[in-house]
PDB file of N, CA and C in Angstrom:
ATOM      1  N   UNK A   1     -13.301  -0.862  -3.275  1.00  0.00           N
ATOM      2  CA  UNK A   1     -13.324  -0.144  -2.017  1.00  0.00           C
ATOM      3  C   UNK A   1     -12.068  -0.387  -1.180  1.00  0.00           C
ATOM      4  N   UNK A   2     -11.565  -1.625  -1.046  1.00  0.00           N
ATOM      5  CA  UNK A   2     -10.364  -1.816  -0.219  1.00  0.00           C
ATOM      6  C   UNK A   2      -9.170  -1.001  -0.707  1.00  0.00           C
ATOM      7  N   UNK A   3      -8.973  -0.910  -2.010  1.00  0.00           N
ATOM      8  CA  UNK A   3      -7.836  -0.142  -2.530  1.00  0.00           C
ATOM      9  C   UNK A   3      -7.987   1.329  -2.176  1.00  0.00           C
ATOM     10  N   UNK A   4      -9.183   1.854  -2.344  1.00  0.00           N
ATOM     11  CA  UNK A   4      -9.431   3.253  -1.994  1.00  0.00           C
ATOM     12  C   UNK A   4      -9.171   3.480  -0.511  1.00  0.00           C
ATOM     13  N   UNK A   5      -9.570   2.523   0.307  1.00  0.00           N
ATOM     14  CA  UNK A   5      -9.377   2.661   1.735  1.00  0.00           C
ATOM     15  C   UNK A   5      -7.889   2.624   2.097  1.00  0.00           C
ATOM     16  N   UNK A   6      -7.154   1.722   1.461  1.00  0.00           N
ATOM     17  CA  UNK A   6      -5.710   1.627   1.712  1.00  0.00           C
ATOM     18  C   UNK A   6      -5.032   2.946   1.350  1.00  0.00           C
ATOM     19  N   UNK A   7      -5.372   3.495   0.204  1.00  0.00           N
ATOM     20  CA  UNK A   7      -4.766   4.751  -0.227  1.00  0.00           C
ATOM     21  C   UNK A   7      -5.178   5.902   0.685  1.00  0.00           C
ATOM     22  N   UNK A   8      -6.413   5.887   1.141  1.00  0.00           N
ATOM     23  CA  UNK A   8      -6.908   6.965   1.997  1.00  0.00           C
ATOM     24  C   UNK A   8      -6.283   6.936   3.387  1.00  0.00           C
ATOM     25  N   UNK A   9      -5.843   5.772   3.822  1.00  0.00           N
ATOM     26  CA  UNK A   9      -5.258   5.693   5.160  1.00  0.00           C
ATOM     27  C   UNK A   9      -3.963   6.482   5.247  1.00  0.00           C
ATOM     28  N   UNK A  10      -3.341   6.762   4.092  1.00  0.00           N
ATOM     29  CA  UNK A  10      -2.207   7.665   4.034  1.00  0.00           C
ATOM     30  C   UNK A  10      -0.944   7.178   4.706  1.00  0.00           C
ATOM     31  N   UNK A  11      -0.765   5.888   4.831  1.00  0.00           N
ATOM     32  CA  UNK A  11       0.423   5.387   5.512  1.00  0.00           C
ATOM     33  C   UNK A  11       1.452   4.827   4.539  1.00  0.00           C
ATOM     34  N   UNK A  12       1.297   5.060   3.261  1.00  0.00           N
ATOM     35  CA  UNK A  12       2.309   4.621   2.310  1.00  0.00           C
ATOM     36  C   UNK A  12       2.146   3.202   1.810  1.00  0.00           C
ATOM     37  N   UNK A  13       1.041   2.567   2.122  1.00  0.00           N
ATOM     38  CA  UNK A  13       0.804   1.219   1.613  1.00  0.00           C
ATOM     39  C   UNK A  13       1.934   0.271   1.943  1.00  0.00           C
ATOM     40  N   UNK A  14       2.414  -0.466   0.949  1.00  0.00           N
ATOM     41  CA  UNK A  14       3.461  -1.469   1.150  1.00  0.00           C
ATOM     42  C   UNK A  14       4.836  -0.829   1.391  1.00  0.00           C
ATOM     43  N   UNK A  15       4.974   0.463   1.147  1.00  0.00           N
ATOM     44  CA  UNK A  15       6.246   1.138   1.448  1.00  0.00           C
ATOM     45  C   UNK A  15       6.480   1.202   2.953  1.00  0.00           C
ATOM     46  N   UNK A  16       5.409   1.255   3.708  1.00  0.00           N
ATOM     47  CA  UNK A  16       5.535   1.298   5.170  1.00  0.00           C
ATOM     48  C   UNK A  16       4.664   0.184   5.748  1.00  0.00           C
ATOM     49  N   UNK A  17       3.626   0.538   6.507  1.00  0.00           N
ATOM     50  CA  UNK A  17       2.745  -0.486   7.077  1.00  0.00           C
ATOM     51  C   UNK A  17       1.284  -0.202   6.757  1.00  0.00           C
ATOM     52  N   UNK A  18       1.033   0.674   5.810  1.00  0.00           N
ATOM     53  CA  UNK A  18      -0.341   1.052   5.477  1.00  0.00           C
ATOM     54  C   UNK A  18      -1.200  -0.116   5.048  1.00  0.00           C
ATOM     55  N   UNK A  19      -0.637  -1.039   4.284  1.00  0.00           N
ATOM     56  CA  UNK A  19      -1.413  -2.195   3.842  1.00  0.00           C
ATOM     57  C   UNK A  19      -1.771  -3.098   5.016  1.00  0.00           C
ATOM     58  N   UNK A  20      -0.865  -3.234   5.967  1.00  0.00           N
ATOM     59  CA  UNK A  20      -1.113  -4.085   7.128  1.00  0.00           C
ATOM     60  C   UNK A  20      -2.203  -3.491   8.021  1.00  0.00           C
ATOM     61  N   UNK A  21      -2.139  -2.179   8.209  1.00  0.00           N
ATOM     62  CA  UNK A  21      -3.154  -1.479   8.997  1.00  0.00           C
ATOM     63  C   UNK A  21      -4.508  -1.599   8.305  1.00  0.00           C
ATOM     64  N   UNK A  22      -4.520  -1.435   7.000  1.00  0.00           N
ATOM     65  CA  UNK A  22      -5.771  -1.548   6.246  1.00  0.00           C
ATOM     66  C   UNK A  22      -6.362  -2.949   6.353  1.00  0.00           C
ATOM     67  N   UNK A  23      -5.507  -3.986   6.328  1.00  0.00           N
ATOM     68  CA  UNK A  23      -6.005  -5.351   6.493  1.00  0.00           C
ATOM     69  C   UNK A  23      -6.743  -5.490   7.813  1.00  0.00           C
ATOM     70  N   UNK A  24      -6.210  -4.906   8.869  1.00  0.00           N
ATOM     71  CA  UNK A  24      -6.853  -5.013  10.181  1.00  0.00           C
ATOM     72  C   UNK A  24      -8.156  -4.238  10.222  1.00  0.00           C
ATOM     73  N   UNK A  25      -8.199  -3.092   9.554  1.00  0.00           N
ATOM     74  CA  UNK A  25      -9.435  -2.323   9.496  1.00  0.00           C
ATOM     75  C   UNK A  25     -10.511  -3.087   8.730  1.00  0.00           C
ATOM     76  N   UNK A  26     -10.112  -3.743   7.665  1.00  0.00           N
ATOM     77  CA  UNK A  26     -11.076  -4.436   6.814  1.00  0.00           C
ATOM     78  C   UNK A  26     -11.507  -5.769   7.430  1.00  0.00           C
ATOM     79  N   UNK A  27     -10.550  -6.577   7.888  1.00  0.00           N
ATOM     80  CA  UNK A  27     -10.890  -7.928   8.366  1.00  0.00           C
ATOM     81  C   UNK A  27     -11.437  -7.958   9.784  1.00  0.00           C
ATOM     82  N   UNK A  28     -10.994  -7.027  10.619  1.00  0.00           N
ATOM     83  CA  UNK A  28     -11.429  -7.032  12.017  1.00  0.00           C
ATOM     84  C   UNK A  28     -12.256  -5.811  12.396  1.00  0.00           C
ATOM     85  N   UNK A  29     -12.533  -4.975  11.408  1.00  0.00           N
ATOM     86  CA  UNK A  29     -13.336  -3.760  11.620  1.00  0.00           C
ATOM     87  C   UNK A  29     -12.773  -2.869  12.739  1.00  0.00           C
ATOM     88  N   UNK A  30     -11.442  -2.794  12.791  1.00  0.00           N
ATOM     89  CA  UNK A  30     -10.785  -1.949  13.788  1.00  0.00           C
ATOM     90  C   UNK A  30     -10.771  -0.498  13.315  1.00  0.00           C
ATOM     91  N   UNK A  31     -10.845   0.404  14.253  1.00  0.00           N
ATOM     92  CA  UNK A  31     -10.626   1.816  13.952  1.00  0.00           C
ATOM     93  C   UNK A  31      -9.130   1.976  13.674  1.00  0.00           C
ATOM     94  N   UNK A  32      -8.752   3.060  13.005  1.00  0.00           N
ATOM     95  CA  UNK A  32      -7.366   3.215  12.560  1.00  0.00           C
ATOM     96  C   UNK A  32      -6.363   3.205  13.717  1.00  0.00           C
ATOM     97  N   UNK A  33      -6.678   3.866  14.811  1.00  0.00           N
ATOM     98  CA  UNK A  33      -5.746   3.896  15.950  1.00  0.00           C
ATOM     99  C   UNK A  33      -5.552   2.494  16.527  1.00  0.00           C
ATOM    100  N   UNK A  34      -6.643   1.746  16.661  1.00  0.00           N
ATOM    101  CA  UNK A  34      -6.567   0.380  17.173  1.00  0.00           C
ATOM    102  C   UNK A  34      -5.776  -0.515  16.215  1.00  0.00           C
ATOM    103  N   UNK A  35      -6.013  -0.344  14.910  1.00  0.00           N
ATOM    104  CA  UNK A  35      -5.317  -1.142  13.895  1.00  0.00           C
ATOM    105  C   UNK A  35      -3.819  -0.843  13.909  1.00  0.00           C
ATOM    106  N   UNK A  36      -3.448   0.434  14.026  1.00  0.00           N
ATOM    107  CA  UNK A  36      -2.025   0.798  14.082  1.00  0.00           C
ATOM    108  C   UNK A  36      -1.360   0.184  15.310  1.00  0.00           C
ATOM    109  N   UNK A  37      -2.026   0.253  16.445  1.00  0.00           N
ATOM    110  CA  UNK A  37      -1.470  -0.328  17.673  1.00  0.00           C
ATOM    111  C   UNK A  37      -1.297  -1.834  17.539  1.00  0.00           C
ATOM    112  N   UNK A  38      -2.279  -2.508  16.953  1.00  0.00           N
ATOM    113  CA  UNK A  38      -2.212  -3.960  16.769  1.00  0.00           C
ATOM    114  C   UNK A  38      -1.032  -4.333  15.875  1.00  0.00           C
ATOM    115  N   UNK A  39      -0.910  -3.640  14.744  1.00  0.00           N
ATOM    116  CA  UNK A  39       0.176  -3.937  13.800  1.00  0.00           C
ATOM    117  C   UNK A  39       1.525  -3.640  14.432  1.00  0.00           C
ATOM    118  N   UNK A  40       1.656  -2.509  15.102  1.00  0.00           N
ATOM    119  CA  UNK A  40       2.928  -2.166  15.760  1.00  0.00           C
ATOM    120  C   UNK A  40       3.302  -3.228  16.783  1.00  0.00           C
ATOM    121  N   UNK A  41       2.324  -3.699  17.539  1.00  0.00           N
ATOM    122  CA  UNK A  41       2.569  -4.740  18.534  1.00  0.00           C
ATOM    123  C   UNK A  41       3.015  -6.037  17.865  1.00  0.00           C
ATOM    124  N   UNK A  42       2.342  -6.443  16.793  1.00  0.00           N
ATOM    125  CA  UNK A  42       2.692  -7.687  16.096  1.00  0.00           C
ATOM    126  C   UNK A  42       4.081  -7.615  15.459  1.00  0.00           C
ATOM    127  N   UNK A  43       4.465  -6.407  14.996  1.00  0.00           N
ATOM    128  CA  UNK A  43       5.773  -6.228  14.376  1.00  0.00           C
ATOM    129  C   UNK A  43       6.875  -5.955  15.394  1.00  0.00           C
ATOM    130  N   UNK A  44       6.469  -5.576  16.598  1.00  0.00           N
ATOM    131  CA  UNK A  44       7.440  -5.258  17.633  1.00  0.00           C
ATOM    132  C   UNK A  44       8.143  -3.928  17.410  1.00  0.00           C
ATOM    133  N   UNK A  45       7.395  -2.947  16.888  1.00  0.00           N
ATOM    134  CA  UNK A  45       7.951  -1.619  16.622  1.00  0.00           C
ATOM    135  C   UNK A  45       7.069  -0.550  17.253  1.00  0.00           C
ATOM    136  N   UNK A  46       7.558   0.689  17.252  1.00  0.00           N
ATOM    137  CA  UNK A  46       6.764   1.803  17.761  1.00  0.00           C
ATOM    138  C   UNK A  46       5.804   2.282  16.683  1.00  0.00           C
ATOM    139  N   UNK A  47       4.834   3.079  17.085  1.00  0.00           N
ATOM    140  CA  UNK A  47       3.885   3.638  16.119  1.00  0.00           C
ATOM    141  C   UNK A  47       4.589   4.520  15.092  1.00  0.00           C
ATOM    142  N   UNK A  48       5.627   5.237  15.514  1.00  0.00           N
ATOM    143  CA  UNK A  48       6.364   6.090  14.576  1.00  0.00           C
ATOM    144  C   UNK A  48       7.092   5.265  13.520  1.00  0.00           C
ATOM    145  N   UNK A  49       7.579   4.093  13.914  1.00  0.00           N
ATOM    146  CA  UNK A  49       8.281   3.233  12.962  1.00  0.00           C
ATOM    147  C   UNK A  49       7.367   2.723  11.851  1.00  0.00           C
ATOM    148  N   UNK A  50       6.073   2.648  12.104  1.00  0.00           N
ATOM    149  CA  UNK A  50       5.133   2.164  11.089  1.00  0.00           C
ATOM    150  C   UNK A  50       5.137   3.029   9.836  1.00  0.00           C
ATOM    151  N   UNK A  51       5.486   4.289   9.977  1.00  0.00           N
ATOM    152  CA  UNK A  51       5.478   5.194   8.826  1.00  0.00           C
ATOM    153  C   UNK A  51       6.878   5.525   8.310  1.00  0.00           C
ATOM    154  N   UNK A  52       7.884   4.909   8.864  1.00  0.00           N
ATOM    155  CA  UNK A  52       9.261   5.142   8.430  1.00  0.00           C
ATOM    156  C   UNK A  52       9.636   4.120   7.364  1.00  0.00           C
ATOM    157  N   UNK A  53       9.837   4.592   6.129  1.00  0.00           N
ATOM    158  CA  UNK A  53      10.115   3.692   5.004  1.00  0.00           C
ATOM    159  C   UNK A  53      11.378   2.861   5.200  1.00  0.00           C
ATOM    160  N   UNK A  54      12.420   3.459   5.751  1.00  0.00           N
ATOM    161  CA  UNK A  54      13.679   2.733   5.931  1.00  0.00           C
ATOM    162  C   UNK A  54      13.521   1.606   6.956  1.00  0.00           C
ATOM    163  N   UNK A  55      12.889   1.908   8.067  1.00  0.00           N
ATOM    164  CA  UNK A  55      12.677   0.899   9.113  1.00  0.00           C
ATOM    165  C   UNK A  55      11.776  -0.213   8.593  1.00  0.00           C
ATOM    166  N   UNK A  56      10.672   0.170   7.949  1.00  0.00           N
ATOM    167  CA  UNK A  56       9.710  -0.830   7.499  1.00  0.00           C
ATOM    168  C   UNK A  56      10.247  -1.686   6.362  1.00  0.00           C
ATOM    169  N   UNK A  57      11.103  -1.142   5.511  1.00  0.00           N
ATOM    170  CA  UNK A  57      11.686  -1.975   4.445  1.00  0.00           C
ATOM    171  C   UNK A  57      12.506  -3.106   5.058  1.00  0.00           C
ATOM    172  N   UNK A  58      13.288  -2.775   6.072  1.00  0.00           N
ATOM    173  CA  UNK A  58      14.101  -3.792   6.739  1.00  0.00           C
ATOM    174  C   UNK A  58      13.218  -4.825   7.445  1.00  0.00           C
ATOM    175  N   UNK A  59      12.205  -4.351   8.142  1.00  0.00           N
ATOM    176  CA  UNK A  59      11.289  -5.257   8.844  1.00  0.00           C
ATOM    177  C   UNK A  59      10.549  -6.151   7.855  1.00  0.00           C
ATOM    178  N   UNK A  60      10.047  -5.543   6.766  1.00  0.00           N
ATOM    179  CA  UNK A  60       9.301  -6.315   5.760  1.00  0.00           C
ATOM    180  C   UNK A  60      10.206  -7.366   5.122  1.00  0.00           C
ATOM    181  N   UNK A  61      11.465  -7.028   4.872  1.00  0.00           N
ATOM    182  CA  UNK A  61      12.413  -8.011   4.327  1.00  0.00           C
ATOM    183  C   UNK A  61      12.658  -9.136   5.325  1.00  0.00           C
ATOM    184  N   UNK A  62      12.907  -8.774   6.579  1.00  0.00           N
ATOM    185  CA  UNK A  62      13.191  -9.773   7.610  1.00  0.00           C
ATOM    186  C   UNK A  62      12.019 -10.730   7.823  1.00  0.00           C
ATOM    187  N   UNK A  63      10.790 -10.189   7.782  1.00  0.00           N
ATOM    188  CA  UNK A  63       9.607 -11.010   8.030  1.00  0.00           C
ATOM    189  C   UNK A  63       9.076 -11.696   6.772  1.00  0.00           C
ATOM    190  N   UNK A  64       9.566 -11.276   5.606  1.00  0.00           N
ATOM    191  CA  UNK A  64       9.112 -11.881   4.362  1.00  0.00           C
ATOM    192  C   UNK A  64       7.693 -11.521   3.982  1.00  0.00           C
ATOM    193  N   UNK A  65       7.298 -10.262   4.253  1.00  0.00           N
ATOM    194  CA  UNK A  65       5.926  -9.853   3.947  1.00  0.00           C
ATOM    195  C   UNK A  65       5.850  -8.912   2.747  1.00  0.00           C
ATOM    196  N   UNK A  66       6.879  -8.913   1.920  1.00  0.00           N
ATOM    197  CA  UNK A  66       6.855  -8.170   0.664  1.00  0.00           C
ATOM    198  C   UNK A  66       7.280  -6.720   0.784  1.00  0.00           C
ATOM    199  N   UNK A  67       7.880  -6.234  -0.291  1.00  0.00           N
ATOM    200  CA  UNK A  67       8.291  -4.838  -0.412  1.00  0.00           C
ATOM    201  C   UNK A  67       7.924  -4.344  -1.802  1.00  0.00           C
ATOM    202  N   UNK A  68       8.033  -3.041  -2.025  1.00  0.00           N
ATOM    203  CA  UNK A  68       7.699  -2.470  -3.328  1.00  0.00           C
ATOM    204  C   UNK A  68       8.616  -3.040  -4.398  1.00  0.00           C
ATOM    205  N   UNK A  69       9.916  -2.965  -4.156  1.00  0.00           N
ATOM    206  CA  UNK A  69      10.895  -3.512  -5.095  1.00  0.00           C
ATOM    207  C   UNK A  69      11.384  -4.838  -4.539  1.00  0.00           C
ATOM    208  N   UNK A  70      10.773  -5.907  -4.994  1.00  0.00           N
ATOM    209  CA  UNK A  70      11.097  -7.227  -4.472  1.00  0.00           C
ATOM    210  C   UNK A  70      12.532  -7.611  -4.820  1.00  0.00           C
ATOM    211  N   UNK A  71      13.169  -8.282  -3.896  1.00  0.00           N
ATOM    212  CA  UNK A  71      14.520  -8.786  -4.134  1.00  0.00           C
ATOM    213  C   UNK A  71      14.426 -10.191  -4.731  1.00  0.00           C
ATOM    214  N   UNK A  72      15.518 -10.647  -5.296  1.00  0.00           N
ATOM    215  CA  UNK A  72      15.514 -11.951  -5.959  1.00  0.00           C
ATOM    216  C   UNK A  72      15.132 -13.082  -5.005  1.00  0.00           C
ATOM    217  N   UNK A  73      15.606 -13.016  -3.783  1.00  0.00           N
ATOM    218  CA  UNK A  73      15.316 -14.087  -2.837  1.00  0.00           C
ATOM    219  C   UNK A  73      14.103 -13.803  -1.954  1.00  0.00           C
ATOM    220  N   UNK A  74      13.547 -12.592  -2.060  1.00  0.00           N
ATOM    221  CA  UNK A  74      12.426 -12.205  -1.218  1.00  0.00           C
ATOM    222  C   UNK A  74      11.096 -12.740  -1.718  1.00  0.00           C
ATOM    223  N   UNK A  75      10.139 -12.899  -0.811  1.00  0.00           N
ATOM    224  CA  UNK A  75       8.829 -13.414  -1.195  1.00  0.00           C
ATOM    225  C   UNK A  75       8.034 -12.399  -2.012  1.00  0.00           C
ATOM    226  N   UNK A  76       7.247 -12.918  -2.922  1.00  0.00           N
ATOM    227  CA  UNK A  76       6.391 -12.082  -3.758  1.00  0.00           C
ATOM    228  C   UNK A  76       5.010 -12.713  -3.795  1.00  0.00           C
ATOM    229  N   UNK A  77       4.025 -11.943  -4.176  1.00  0.00           N
ATOM    230  CA  UNK A  77       2.688 -12.458  -4.423  1.00  0.00           C
ATOM    231  C   UNK A  77       2.082 -13.236  -3.274  1.00  0.00           C
ATOM    232  N   UNK A  78       1.581 -14.417  -3.601  1.00  0.00           N
ATOM    233  CA  UNK A  78       0.841 -15.223  -2.633  1.00  0.00           C
ATOM    234  C   UNK A  78       1.717 -15.647  -1.457  1.00  0.00           C
ATOM    235  N   UNK A  79       3.001 -15.831  -1.698  1.00  0.00           N
ATOM    236  CA  UNK A  79       3.918 -16.210  -0.614  1.00  0.00           C
ATOM    237  C   UNK A  79       4.002 -15.094   0.437  1.00  0.00           C
ATOM    238  N   UNK A  80       4.081 -13.852  -0.024  1.00  0.00           N
ATOM    239  CA  UNK A  80       4.115 -12.714   0.899  1.00  0.00           C
ATOM    240  C   UNK A  80       2.772 -12.570   1.612  1.00  0.00           C
ATOM    241  N   UNK A  81       1.665 -12.777   0.882  1.00  0.00           N
ATOM    242  CA  UNK A  81       0.340 -12.696   1.502  1.00  0.00           C
ATOM    243  C   UNK A  81       0.164 -13.759   2.576  1.00  0.00           C
ATOM    244  N   UNK A  82       0.708 -14.936   2.335  1.00  0.00           N
ATOM    245  CA  UNK A  82       0.633 -16.006   3.317  1.00  0.00           C
ATOM    246  C   UNK A  82       1.334 -15.583   4.603  1.00  0.00           C
ATOM    247  N   UNK A  83       2.485 -14.952   4.468  1.00  0.00           N
ATOM    248  CA  UNK A  83       3.226 -14.464   5.642  1.00  0.00           C
ATOM    249  C   UNK A  83       2.437 -13.376   6.373  1.00  0.00           C
ATOM    250  N   UNK A  84       1.782 -12.479   5.609  1.00  0.00           N
ATOM    251  CA  UNK A  84       0.966 -11.419   6.213  1.00  0.00           C
ATOM    252  C   UNK A  84      -0.172 -12.041   7.014  1.00  0.00           C
ATOM    253  N   UNK A  85      -0.840 -13.026   6.425  1.00  0.00           N
ATOM    254  CA  UNK A  85      -1.952 -13.697   7.108  1.00  0.00           C
ATOM    255  C   UNK A  85      -1.483 -14.337   8.415  1.00  0.00           C
ATOM    256  N   UNK A  86      -0.328 -14.984   8.389  1.00  0.00           N
ATOM    257  CA  UNK A  86       0.216 -15.609   9.599  1.00  0.00           C
ATOM    258  C   UNK A  86       0.599 -14.562  10.636  1.00  0.00           C
ATOM    259  N   UNK A  87       1.286 -13.520  10.191  1.00  0.00           N
ATOM    260  CA  UNK A  87       1.762 -12.481  11.097  1.00  0.00           C
ATOM    261  C   UNK A  87       0.616 -11.761  11.810  1.00  0.00           C
ATOM    262  N   UNK A  88      -0.412 -11.402  11.056  1.00  0.00           N
ATOM    263  CA  UNK A  88      -1.523 -10.641  11.623  1.00  0.00           C
ATOM    264  C   UNK A  88      -2.626 -11.528  12.191  1.00  0.00           C
ATOM    265  N   UNK A  89      -2.488 -12.842  12.019  1.00  0.00           N
ATOM    266  CA  UNK A  89      -3.490 -13.789  12.485  1.00  0.00           C
ATOM    267  C   UNK A  89      -4.861 -13.475  11.878  1.00  0.00           C
ATOM    268  N   UNK A  90      -4.865 -13.363  10.547  1.00  0.00           N
ATOM    269  CA  UNK A  90      -6.102 -13.106   9.813  1.00  0.00           C
ATOM    270  C   UNK A  90      -6.257 -14.142   8.711  1.00  0.00           C
ATOM    271  N   UNK A  91      -7.462 -14.203   8.179  1.00  0.00           N
ATOM    272  CA  UNK A  91      -7.723 -15.088   7.059  1.00  0.00           C
ATOM    273  C   UNK A  91      -7.859 -14.235   5.804  1.00  0.00           C
ATOM    274  N   UNK A  92      -7.063 -14.560   4.782  1.00  0.00           N
ATOM    275  CA  UNK A  92      -7.120 -13.884   3.493  1.00  0.00           C
ATOM    276  C   UNK A  92      -7.644 -14.908   2.497  1.00  0.00           C
ATOM    277  N   UNK A  93      -8.750 -14.586   1.834  1.00  0.00           N
ATOM    278  CA  UNK A  93      -9.424 -15.554   0.964  1.00  0.00           C
ATOM    279  C   UNK A  93      -8.501 -16.170  -0.077  1.00  0.00           C
ATOM    280  N   UNK A  94      -7.694 -15.358  -0.758  1.00  0.00           N
ATOM    281  CA  UNK A  94      -6.822 -15.905  -1.802  1.00  0.00           C
ATOM    282  C   UNK A  94      -5.788 -16.875  -1.217  1.00  0.00           C
ATOM    283  N   UNK A  95      -5.332 -16.613  -0.023  1.00  0.00           N
ATOM    284  CA  UNK A  95      -4.372 -17.500   0.642  1.00  0.00           C
ATOM    285  C   UNK A  95      -5.053 -18.815   1.019  1.00  0.00           C
ATOM    286  N   UNK A  96      -6.259 -18.712   1.564  1.00  0.00           N
ATOM    287  CA  UNK A  96      -7.009 -19.913   1.941  1.00  0.00           C
ATOM    288  C   UNK A  96      -7.288 -20.787   0.732  1.00  0.00           C
ATOM    289  N   UNK A  97      -7.718 -20.179  -0.376  1.00  0.00           N
ATOM    290  CA  UNK A  97      -7.997 -20.942  -1.595  1.00  0.00           C
ATOM    291  C   UNK A  97      -6.721 -21.576  -2.140  1.00  0.00           C
ATOM    292  N   UNK A  98      -5.617 -20.853  -2.083  1.00  0.00           N
ATOM    293  CA  UNK A  98      -4.338 -21.386  -2.545  1.00  0.00           C
ATOM    294  C   UNK A  98      -3.921 -22.596  -1.710  1.00  0.00           C
ATOM    295  N   UNK A  99      -4.054 -22.475  -0.395  1.00  0.00           N
ATOM    296  CA  UNK A  99      -3.690 -23.579   0.480  1.00  0.00           C
ATOM    297  C   UNK A  99      -4.542 -24.819   0.218  1.00  0.00           C
ATOM    298  N   UNK A 100      -5.815 -24.627  -0.083  1.00  0.00           N
ATOM    299  CA  UNK A 100      -6.700 -25.759  -0.398  1.00  0.00           C
ATOM    300  C   UNK A 100      -6.261 -26.448  -1.695  1.00  0.00           C
ATOM    301  N   UNK A 101      -5.787 -25.672  -2.657  1.00  0.00           N
ATOM    302  CA  UNK A 101      -5.322 -26.251  -3.913  1.00  0.00           C
ATOM    303  C   UNK A 101      -4.072 -27.100  -3.703  1.00  0.00           C
ATOM    304  N   UNK A 102      -3.211 -26.677  -2.823  1.00  0.00           N
ATOM    305  CA  UNK A 102      -1.972 -27.406  -2.553  1.00  0.00           C
ATOM    306  C   UNK A 102      -2.287 -28.741  -1.887  1.00  0.00           C
ATOM    307  N   UNK A 103      -3.234 -28.734  -0.965  1.00  0.00           N
ATOM    308  CA  UNK A 103      -3.598 -29.946  -0.235  1.00  0.00           C
ATOM    309  C   UNK A 103      -4.267 -30.962  -1.166  1.00  0.00           C
ATOM    310  N   UNK A 104      -5.038 -30.470  -2.113  1.00  0.00           N
ATOM    311  CA  UNK A 104      -5.781 -31.374  -3.013  1.00  0.00           C
ATOM    312  C   UNK A 104      -4.896 -32.167  -3.918  1.00  0.00           C
TER     313      UNK A 104
END
């Protein structure tokens, strides 16, 4: 269901901010307009910038929250998810479990 919801939101997923908006809808049960406003505020961009691939690629690189075509020095996988969790102030189960493994 989450994947279908991310695709249905129509914001381009990780190419723009669709995945971030979907996280807010899923974890905080926000309506789409509220989720977009929250994400735009956390990223410090306008609502229009959320759907601009060029702007969001630069922002995603700067914040280390992953891009479609990962760069050699850029974060991937769980490292990018950890940054997303911190940025949006949400709990992501896989990140929490990973952090517990590191502490153990």
